[in-house]
Amino acid sequence: MGYNTVINKYNGLKNKTLCTQTFATVGKQIFNDNDLDIDDIGLYVFLITRSRQSLEDDGIGVVDRIDSLSIYKMIYRPQKLKGKYREIVGGLDERLNRLEDHGFIERTINTLGEQTIKVPQDDLKHGFAKLYAPGIRVILRKLTGKKMLRELATYAAFRSLVFEGDKGTYIIDRGPTYIKNWLHVEKSTVNNYLRWLRENYVLAYFKCKQSSMHEPWKQYYSDIVQYDKLVEYVKIQYDKGFIKALAE
């Protein structure tokens, strides 16, 4: 494909309103815990997306009327309970225990005698990632099971690389390297998860042939809601001669 075809691949989004409303916020501390794997992190992100701010608990995120079985039904969306569902529910319960042992959630009983999960997020002083509504909705709508959890974890890890503001960093060019370390998976696995995110318009992406012989190929990513910033950046790099061609 030629330069014009690739650089204009997001033109169809120009007339669409991409909401930059923050759907959820994830503290970066979750990625520094080596005892948690990608599914633990994905479950944590899922719980945050289901939580509400509780005025009774000083604004702490709370997920009401929830236990391992109800989480299974929300994540796996089975038509009926059958097969090895008890084994999966037991695995989810172990992950909840791990998250609780590490201080990321707290399981309690409310005044009505119902199980609830609190998500304190008192680690935001170490930095946090804003998860935008368009991306979260795509993942929750299109995926189930572990695939959902792993894409949630990958999206949250990617968003942790972004620094917003007037002098923010919206364009990410070394995402897989950082994300694989945070999620404790192989780089090739991260690339597969990122491929799904970009093919489903959660992330915007260009694969570029560089002028530099030291690093002849480079991948540039942004959140889909900031695709225009990515397009502008790649155009400037191309006009200056730093990028020779666009492959994807």
C-alpha atoms as a PDB file:
ATOM      1  CA  MET A   1       0.000   0.000   0.000  1.00  0.00           C
ATOM      2  CA  GLY A   2       1.165   3.510  -0.758  1.00  0.00           C
ATOM      3  CA  TYR A   3       1.785   6.302   1.710  1.00  0.00           C
ATOM      4  CA  ASN A   4      -1.511   8.097   1.049  1.00  0.00           C
ATOM      5  CA  THR A   5      -3.545   4.941   1.535  1.00  0.00           C
ATOM      6  CA  VAL A   6      -1.935   4.113   4.876  1.00  0.00           C
ATOM      7  CA  ILE A   7      -1.798   7.630   6.331  1.00  0.00           C
ATOM      8  CA  ASN A   8      -5.501   8.117   5.553  1.00  0.00           C
ATOM      9  CA  LYS A   9      -6.703   4.802   6.984  1.00  0.00           C
ATOM     10  CA  TYR A  10      -8.417   6.545   9.916  1.00  0.00           C
ATOM     11  CA  ASN A  11     -10.252   9.111   7.791  1.00  0.00           C
ATOM     12  CA  GLY A  12     -13.502   7.274   8.436  1.00  0.00           C
ATOM     13  CA  LEU A  13     -13.303   8.343  12.083  1.00  0.00           C
ATOM     14  CA  LYS A  14     -13.303  12.061  11.330  1.00  0.00           C
ATOM     15  CA  ASN A  15     -17.083  12.387  11.480  1.00  0.00           C
ATOM     16  CA  LYS A  16     -17.422  10.206  14.561  1.00  0.00           C
ATOM     17  CA  THR A  17     -17.420  11.575  18.080  1.00  0.00           C
ATOM     18  CA  LEU A  18     -14.837   9.619  20.064  1.00  0.00           C
ATOM     19  CA  CYS A  19     -15.589  10.228  23.712  1.00  0.00           C
ATOM     20  CA  THR A  20     -12.544  11.032  25.842  1.00  0.00           C
ATOM     21  CA  GLN A  21     -14.504  10.529  29.032  1.00  0.00           C
ATOM     22  CA  THR A  22     -12.496   8.540  31.567  1.00  0.00           C
ATOM     23  CA  PHE A  23     -14.365   5.278  32.071  1.00  0.00           C
ATOM     24  CA  ALA A  24     -12.070   4.029  34.817  1.00  0.00           C
ATOM     25  CA  THR A  25      -8.741   4.772  36.483  1.00  0.00           C
ATOM     26  CA  VAL A  26      -6.111   2.132  37.270  1.00  0.00           C
ATOM     27  CA  GLY A  27      -3.201   2.731  39.631  1.00  0.00           C
ATOM     28  CA  LYS A  28       0.166   1.788  38.120  1.00  0.00           C
ATOM     29  CA  GLN A  29       1.189  -0.044  41.277  1.00  0.00           C
ATOM     30  CA  ILE A  30      -0.671  -3.127  40.035  1.00  0.00           C
ATOM     31  CA  PHE A  31       2.002  -3.561  37.345  1.00  0.00           C
ATOM     32  CA  ASN A  32       4.837  -3.551  39.882  1.00  0.00           C
ATOM     33  CA  ASP A  33       3.620  -6.640  41.728  1.00  0.00           C
ATOM     34  CA  ASN A  34       5.563  -9.621  40.400  1.00  0.00           C
ATOM     35  CA  ASP A  35       3.239 -12.103  42.125  1.00  0.00           C
ATOM     36  CA  LEU A  36       0.297 -11.127  39.909  1.00  0.00           C
ATOM     37  CA  ASP A  37      -0.081 -12.509  36.393  1.00  0.00           C
ATOM     38  CA  ILE A  38      -1.908 -11.087  33.384  1.00  0.00           C
ATOM     39  CA  ASP A  39      -5.212 -12.727  34.369  1.00  0.00           C
ATOM     40  CA  ASP A  40      -5.004 -11.328  37.916  1.00  0.00           C
ATOM     41  CA  ILE A  41      -4.395  -7.863  36.494  1.00  0.00           C
ATOM     42  CA  GLY A  42      -7.187  -8.270  33.952  1.00  0.00           C
ATOM     43  CA  LEU A  43      -9.621  -9.305  36.691  1.00  0.00           C
ATOM     44  CA  TYR A  44      -8.604  -6.259  38.725  1.00  0.00           C
ATOM     45  CA  VAL A  45      -9.238  -3.976  35.740  1.00  0.00           C
ATOM     46  CA  PHE A  46     -12.600  -5.688  35.166  1.00  0.00           C
ATOM     47  CA  LEU A  47     -13.638  -5.055  38.774  1.00  0.00           C
ATOM     48  CA  ILE A  48     -12.692  -1.393  38.438  1.00  0.00           C
ATOM     49  CA  THR A  49     -14.881  -1.079  35.340  1.00  0.00           C
ATOM     50  CA  ARG A  50     -17.808  -2.522  37.339  1.00  0.00           C
ATOM     51  CA  SER A  51     -17.326  -0.378  40.430  1.00  0.00           C
ATOM     52  CA  ARG A  52     -19.210   2.709  41.542  1.00  0.00           C
ATOM     53  CA  GLN A  53     -17.943   5.490  43.784  1.00  0.00           C
ATOM     54  CA  SER A  54     -19.365   5.031  47.279  1.00  0.00           C
ATOM     55  CA  LEU A  55     -20.081   8.205  49.253  1.00  0.00           C
ATOM     56  CA  GLU A  56     -20.399   6.076  52.381  1.00  0.00           C
ATOM     57  CA  ASP A  57     -16.814   4.862  51.903  1.00  0.00           C
ATOM     58  CA  ASP A  58     -15.107   8.187  51.127  1.00  0.00           C
ATOM     59  CA  GLY A  59     -15.356   7.730  47.377  1.00  0.00           C
ATOM     60  CA  ILE A  60     -13.848   4.232  47.324  1.00  0.00           C
ATOM     61  CA  GLY A  61     -14.875   2.125  44.343  1.00  0.00           C
ATOM     62  CA  VAL A  62     -17.392  -0.550  45.323  1.00  0.00           C
ATOM     63  CA  VAL A  63     -18.817  -3.465  43.343  1.00  0.00           C
ATOM     64  CA  ASP A  64     -22.165  -4.464  44.856  1.00  0.00           C
ATOM     65  CA  ARG A  65     -23.747  -7.910  45.132  1.00  0.00           C
ATOM     66  CA  ILE A  66     -20.808  -9.785  43.686  1.00  0.00           C
ATOM     67  CA  ASP A  67     -19.038 -13.071  44.310  1.00  0.00           C
ATOM     68  CA  SER A  68     -16.948 -15.518  42.294  1.00  0.00           C
ATOM     69  CA  LEU A  69     -19.994 -17.077  40.606  1.00  0.00           C
ATOM     70  CA  SER A  70     -21.498 -13.738  39.559  1.00  0.00           C
ATOM     71  CA  ILE A  71     -18.091 -12.642  38.227  1.00  0.00           C
ATOM     72  CA  TYR A  72     -17.938 -15.872  36.208  1.00  0.00           C
ATOM     73  CA  LYS A  73     -21.352 -15.140  34.700  1.00  0.00           C
ATOM     74  CA  MET A  74     -20.346 -11.575  33.772  1.00  0.00           C
ATOM     75  CA  ILE A  75     -17.003 -12.524  32.231  1.00  0.00           C
ATOM     76  CA  TYR A  76     -17.862 -15.819  30.536  1.00  0.00           C
ATOM     77  CA  ARG A  77     -21.558 -15.107  29.834  1.00  0.00           C
ATOM     78  CA  PRO A  78     -22.588 -18.799  29.742  1.00  0.00           C
ATOM     79  CA  GLN A  79     -26.107 -19.666  28.561  1.00  0.00           C
ATOM     80  CA  LYS A  80     -26.305 -22.101  31.450  1.00  0.00           C
ATOM     81  CA  LEU A  81     -24.020 -23.503  34.111  1.00  0.00           C
ATOM     82  CA  LYS A  82     -22.397 -26.677  32.848  1.00  0.00           C
ATOM     83  CA  GLY A  83     -19.108 -28.451  32.280  1.00  0.00           C
ATOM     84  CA  LYS A  84     -16.094 -27.255  34.238  1.00  0.00           C
ATOM     85  CA  TYR A  85     -17.655 -24.001  35.425  1.00  0.00           C
ATOM     86  CA  ARG A  86     -16.992 -24.861  39.088  1.00  0.00           C
ATOM     87  CA  GLU A  87     -13.289 -25.188  38.298  1.00  0.00           C
ATOM     88  CA  ILE A  88     -13.295 -21.776  36.591  1.00  0.00           C
ATOM     89  CA  VAL A  89     -15.223 -20.212  39.483  1.00  0.00           C
ATOM     90  CA  GLY A  90     -12.695 -21.701  41.901  1.00  0.00           C
ATOM     91  CA  GLY A  91      -9.870 -20.194  39.855  1.00  0.00           C
ATOM     92  CA  LEU A  92     -11.543 -16.778  39.952  1.00  0.00           C
ATOM     93  CA  ASP A  93     -11.875 -17.094  43.719  1.00  0.00           C
ATOM     94  CA  GLU A  94      -8.143 -17.803  43.999  1.00  0.00           C
ATOM     95  CA  ARG A  95      -7.408 -14.689  41.939  1.00  0.00           C
ATOM     96  CA  LEU A  96      -9.660 -12.611  44.177  1.00  0.00           C
ATOM     97  CA  ASN A  97      -7.801 -13.965  47.206  1.00  0.00           C
ATOM     98  CA  ARG A  98      -4.484 -13.018  45.623  1.00  0.00           C
ATOM     99  CA  LEU A  99      -5.671  -9.487  44.835  1.00  0.00           C
ATOM    100  CA  GLU A 100      -6.982  -9.137  48.378  1.00  0.00           C
ATOM    101  CA  ASP A 101      -3.783 -10.505  49.941  1.00  0.00           C
ATOM    102  CA  HIS A 102      -1.810  -7.878  48.002  1.00  0.00           C
ATOM    103  CA  GLY A 103      -4.104  -5.064  49.104  1.00  0.00           C
ATOM    104  CA  PHE A 104      -5.749  -4.262  45.771  1.00  0.00           C
ATOM    105  CA  ILE A 105      -9.292  -5.233  46.775  1.00  0.00           C
ATOM    106  CA  GLU A 106     -11.258  -5.895  49.956  1.00  0.00           C
ATOM    107  CA  ARG A 107     -14.162  -8.340  50.126  1.00  0.00           C
ATOM    108  CA  THR A 108     -16.829  -7.340  52.621  1.00  0.00           C
ATOM    109  CA  ILE A 109     -20.479  -7.864  53.550  1.00  0.00           C
ATOM    110  CA  ASN A 110     -22.751  -4.798  53.303  1.00  0.00           C
ATOM    111  CA  THR A 111     -25.588  -3.835  55.646  1.00  0.00           C
ATOM    112  CA  LEU A 112     -28.032  -5.950  53.607  1.00  0.00           C
ATOM    113  CA  GLY A 113     -25.891  -9.042  54.084  1.00  0.00           C
ATOM    114  CA  GLU A 114     -24.692  -9.002  50.475  1.00  0.00           C
ATOM    115  CA  GLN A 115     -21.128  -9.674  49.344  1.00  0.00           C
ATOM    116  CA  THR A 116     -19.351  -6.613  47.973  1.00  0.00           C
ATOM    117  CA  ILE A 117     -15.850  -5.857  46.754  1.00  0.00           C
ATOM    118  CA  LYS A 118     -14.115  -2.589  47.565  1.00  0.00           C
ATOM    119  CA  VAL A 119     -11.389  -1.300  45.253  1.00  0.00           C
ATOM    120  CA  PRO A 120      -9.527   1.282  47.398  1.00  0.00           C
ATOM    121  CA  GLN A 121      -7.010   2.507  44.782  1.00  0.00           C
ATOM    122  CA  ASP A 122      -5.043   4.403  47.418  1.00  0.00           C
ATOM    123  CA  ASP A 123      -1.897   3.841  45.337  1.00  0.00           C
ATOM    124  CA  LEU A 124      -2.697   6.545  42.756  1.00  0.00           C
ATOM    125  CA  LYS A 125       0.140   8.650  44.154  1.00  0.00           C
ATOM    126  CA  HIS A 126       2.456   6.282  42.261  1.00  0.00           C
ATOM    127  CA  GLY A 127       0.762   7.212  38.990  1.00  0.00           C
ATOM    128  CA  PHE A 128      -2.336   6.014  37.219  1.00  0.00           C
ATOM    129  CA  ALA A 129      -3.766   5.205  33.826  1.00  0.00           C
ATOM    130  CA  LYS A 130      -6.988   6.657  32.440  1.00  0.00           C
ATOM    131  CA  LEU A 131      -9.048   4.092  30.582  1.00  0.00           C
ATOM    132  CA  TYR A 132     -11.293   5.686  27.966  1.00  0.00           C
ATOM    133  CA  ALA A 133     -14.879   4.591  27.442  1.00  0.00           C
ATOM    134  CA  PRO A 134     -14.644   3.649  23.718  1.00  0.00           C
ATOM    135  CA  GLY A 135     -11.860   1.115  24.251  1.00  0.00           C
ATOM    136  CA  ILE A 136     -13.320  -0.445  27.393  1.00  0.00           C
ATOM    137  CA  ARG A 137     -16.739  -0.831  25.781  1.00  0.00           C
ATOM    138  CA  VAL A 138     -15.294  -2.594  22.737  1.00  0.00           C
ATOM    139  CA  ILE A 139     -13.396  -5.092  24.895  1.00  0.00           C
ATOM    140  CA  LEU A 140     -16.326  -5.796  27.227  1.00  0.00           C
ATOM    141  CA  ARG A 141     -18.791  -6.109  24.351  1.00  0.00           C
ATOM    142  CA  LYS A 142     -16.754  -8.283  21.982  1.00  0.00           C
ATOM    143  CA  LEU A 143     -14.846 -10.627  24.284  1.00  0.00           C
ATOM    144  CA  THR A 144     -15.490 -13.175  27.003  1.00  0.00           C
ATOM    145  CA  GLY A 145     -13.420 -15.261  29.371  1.00  0.00           C
ATOM    146  CA  LYS A 146      -9.660 -15.033  29.652  1.00  0.00           C
ATOM    147  CA  LYS A 147      -9.426 -13.263  26.302  1.00  0.00           C
ATOM    148  CA  MET A 148     -11.414 -10.384  27.797  1.00  0.00           C
ATOM    149  CA  LEU A 149      -9.226 -10.262  30.908  1.00  0.00           C
ATOM    150  CA  ARG A 150      -5.992 -10.302  28.911  1.00  0.00           C
ATOM    151  CA  GLU A 151      -7.071  -7.537  26.545  1.00  0.00           C
ATOM    152  CA  LEU A 152      -8.240  -5.438  29.515  1.00  0.00           C
ATOM    153  CA  ALA A 153      -4.841  -5.926  31.153  1.00  0.00           C
ATOM    154  CA  THR A 154      -3.013  -5.069  27.919  1.00  0.00           C
ATOM    155  CA  TYR A 155      -5.087  -1.938  27.314  1.00  0.00           C
ATOM    156  CA  ALA A 156      -4.549  -0.775  30.910  1.00  0.00           C
ATOM    157  CA  ALA A 157      -0.798  -1.399  30.616  1.00  0.00           C
ATOM    158  CA  PHE A 158      -0.684   0.544  27.348  1.00  0.00           C
ATOM    159  CA  ARG A 159      -2.581   3.441  28.891  1.00  0.00           C
ATOM    160  CA  SER A 160      -0.050   3.457  31.743  1.00  0.00           C
ATOM    161  CA  LEU A 161       2.575   4.553  29.210  1.00  0.00           C
ATOM    162  CA  VAL A 162       0.576   7.655  28.256  1.00  0.00           C
ATOM    163  CA  PHE A 163       1.178  10.977  30.009  1.00  0.00           C
ATOM    164  CA  GLU A 164      -1.566  13.469  29.261  1.00  0.00           C
ATOM    165  CA  GLY A 165      -1.549  17.251  29.426  1.00  0.00           C
ATOM    166  CA  ASP A 166      -0.136  20.132  27.398  1.00  0.00           C
ATOM    167  CA  LYS A 167       3.255  18.423  27.251  1.00  0.00           C
ATOM    168  CA  GLY A 168       1.895  14.909  27.341  1.00  0.00           C
ATOM    169  CA  THR A 169       3.146  11.793  25.598  1.00  0.00           C
ATOM    170  CA  TYR A 170       0.355  10.407  23.446  1.00  0.00           C
ATOM    171  CA  ILE A 171       2.498   8.530  20.920  1.00  0.00           C
ATOM    172  CA  ILE A 172       4.047   5.262  22.115  1.00  0.00           C
ATOM    173  CA  ASP A 173       6.814   3.558  20.130  1.00  0.00           C
ATOM    174  CA  ARG A 174       8.195   1.010  22.589  1.00  0.00           C
ATOM    175  CA  GLY A 175       4.958  -0.292  24.047  1.00  0.00           C
ATOM    176  CA  PRO A 176       5.499  -4.061  23.720  1.00  0.00           C
ATOM    177  CA  THR A 177       8.831  -3.938  25.564  1.00  0.00           C
ATOM    178  CA  TYR A 178       7.339  -2.307  28.654  1.00  0.00           C
ATOM    179  CA  ILE A 179       4.034  -4.142  28.558  1.00  0.00           C
ATOM    180  CA  LYS A 180       5.620  -7.619  28.427  1.00  0.00           C
ATOM    181  CA  ASN A 181       7.537  -6.871  31.624  1.00  0.00           C
ATOM    182  CA  TRP A 182       4.472  -5.537  33.422  1.00  0.00           C
ATOM    183  CA  LEU A 183       2.225  -8.431  32.394  1.00  0.00           C
ATOM    184  CA  HIS A 184       4.939 -11.129  32.656  1.00  0.00           C
ATOM    185  CA  VAL A 185       4.348 -12.545  29.166  1.00  0.00           C
ATOM    186  CA  GLU A 186       6.409 -12.922  26.001  1.00  0.00           C
ATOM    187  CA  LYS A 187       6.778  -9.982  23.626  1.00  0.00           C
ATOM    188  CA  SER A 188       5.171 -12.003  20.831  1.00  0.00           C
ATOM    189  CA  THR A 189       2.147 -12.543  23.077  1.00  0.00           C
ATOM    190  CA  VAL A 190       1.880  -8.809  23.743  1.00  0.00           C
ATOM    191  CA  ASN A 191       2.055  -8.142  20.006  1.00  0.00           C
ATOM    192  CA  ASN A 192      -0.873 -10.515  19.473  1.00  0.00           C
ATOM    193  CA  TYR A 193      -2.944  -8.700  22.097  1.00  0.00           C
ATOM    194  CA  LEU A 194      -2.015  -5.327  20.615  1.00  0.00           C
ATOM    195  CA  ARG A 195      -2.980  -6.587  17.158  1.00  0.00           C
ATOM    196  CA  TRP A 196      -6.500  -7.337  18.391  1.00  0.00           C
ATOM    197  CA  LEU A 197      -6.750  -3.898  20.006  1.00  0.00           C
ATOM    198  CA  ARG A 198      -5.764  -2.107  16.823  1.00  0.00           C
ATOM    199  CA  GLU A 199      -7.875  -4.322  14.532  1.00  0.00           C
ATOM    200  CA  ASN A 200     -10.886  -3.488  16.704  1.00  0.00           C
ATOM    201  CA  TYR A 201     -10.115   0.237  16.823  1.00  0.00           C
ATOM    202  CA  VAL A 202      -9.180   0.420  20.490  1.00  0.00           C
ATOM    203  CA  LEU A 203      -5.705   1.614  19.486  1.00  0.00           C
ATOM    204  CA  ALA A 204      -4.432   3.467  16.408  1.00  0.00           C
ATOM    205  CA  TYR A 205      -1.213   2.209  14.812  1.00  0.00           C
ATOM    206  CA  PHE A 206       1.350   2.722  12.075  1.00  0.00           C
ATOM    207  CA  LYS A 207       4.262   0.485  11.105  1.00  0.00           C
ATOM    208  CA  CYS A 208       6.958   2.701   9.613  1.00  0.00           C
ATOM    209  CA  LYS A 209      10.177   2.151   7.693  1.00  0.00           C
ATOM    210  CA  GLN A 210      12.751   4.463   9.247  1.00  0.00           C
ATOM    211  CA  SER A 211      15.645   6.266   7.618  1.00  0.00           C
ATOM    212  CA  SER A 212      17.863   5.104  10.470  1.00  0.00           C
ATOM    213  CA  MET A 213      19.810   1.920   9.757  1.00  0.00           C
ATOM    214  CA  HIS A 214      20.098   1.373  13.507  1.00  0.00           C
ATOM    215  CA  GLU A 215      16.340   0.879  13.813  1.00  0.00           C
ATOM    216  CA  PRO A 216      14.935   0.358  10.311  1.00  0.00           C
ATOM    217  CA  TRP A 217      11.368  -0.453  11.399  1.00  0.00           C
ATOM    218  CA  LYS A 218       9.283   1.143  14.108  1.00  0.00           C
ATOM    219  CA  GLN A 219       5.720   0.795  15.346  1.00  0.00           C
ATOM    220  CA  TYR A 220       3.843   3.840  16.604  1.00  0.00           C
ATOM    221  CA  TYR A 221       0.703   3.535  18.715  1.00  0.00           C
ATOM    222  CA  SER A 222      -1.859   5.842  20.281  1.00  0.00           C
ATOM    223  CA  ASP A 223      -5.272   5.424  21.855  1.00  0.00           C
ATOM    224  CA  ILE A 224      -7.923   5.490  19.137  1.00  0.00           C
ATOM    225  CA  VAL A 225      -9.423   8.657  20.651  1.00  0.00           C
ATOM    226  CA  GLN A 226      -6.101  10.392  19.911  1.00  0.00           C
ATOM    227  CA  TYR A 227      -5.589   8.924  16.439  1.00  0.00           C
ATOM    228  CA  ASP A 228      -5.400  12.452  15.000  1.00  0.00           C
ATOM    229  CA  LYS A 229      -2.307  13.201  17.110  1.00  0.00           C
ATOM    230  CA  LEU A 230      -0.689   9.998  15.841  1.00  0.00           C
ATOM    231  CA  VAL A 231      -1.490  10.817  12.208  1.00  0.00           C
ATOM    232  CA  GLU A 232      -0.096  14.334  12.607  1.00  0.00           C
ATOM    233  CA  TYR A 233       3.085  13.006  14.245  1.00  0.00           C
ATOM    234  CA  VAL A 234       3.722  10.433  11.494  1.00  0.00           C
ATOM    235  CA  LYS A 235       3.108  13.033   8.780  1.00  0.00           C
ATOM    236  CA  ILE A 236       5.675  15.367  10.342  1.00  0.00           C
ATOM    237  CA  GLN A 237       8.244  12.575  10.686  1.00  0.00           C
ATOM    238  CA  TYR A 238       7.652  11.602   7.055  1.00  0.00           C
ATOM    239  CA  ASP A 239       7.956  15.171   5.780  1.00  0.00           C
ATOM    240  CA  LYS A 240      11.228  15.584   7.690  1.00  0.00           C
ATOM    241  CA  GLY A 241      12.636  12.406   6.166  1.00  0.00           C
ATOM    242  CA  PHE A 242      12.836  10.391   9.396  1.00  0.00           C
ATOM    243  CA  ILE A 243      10.215   7.988   8.040  1.00  0.00           C
ATOM    244  CA  LYS A 244      10.785   6.609   4.535  1.00  0.00           C
ATOM    245  CA  ALA A 245       7.602   4.613   4.031  1.00  0.00           C
ATOM    246  CA  LEU A 246       4.491   3.294   5.779  1.00  0.00           C
ATOM    247  CA  ALA A 247       3.896  -0.455   5.717  1.00  0.00           C
ATOM    248  CA  GLU A 248       0.687  -0.592   7.788  1.00  0.00           C
END
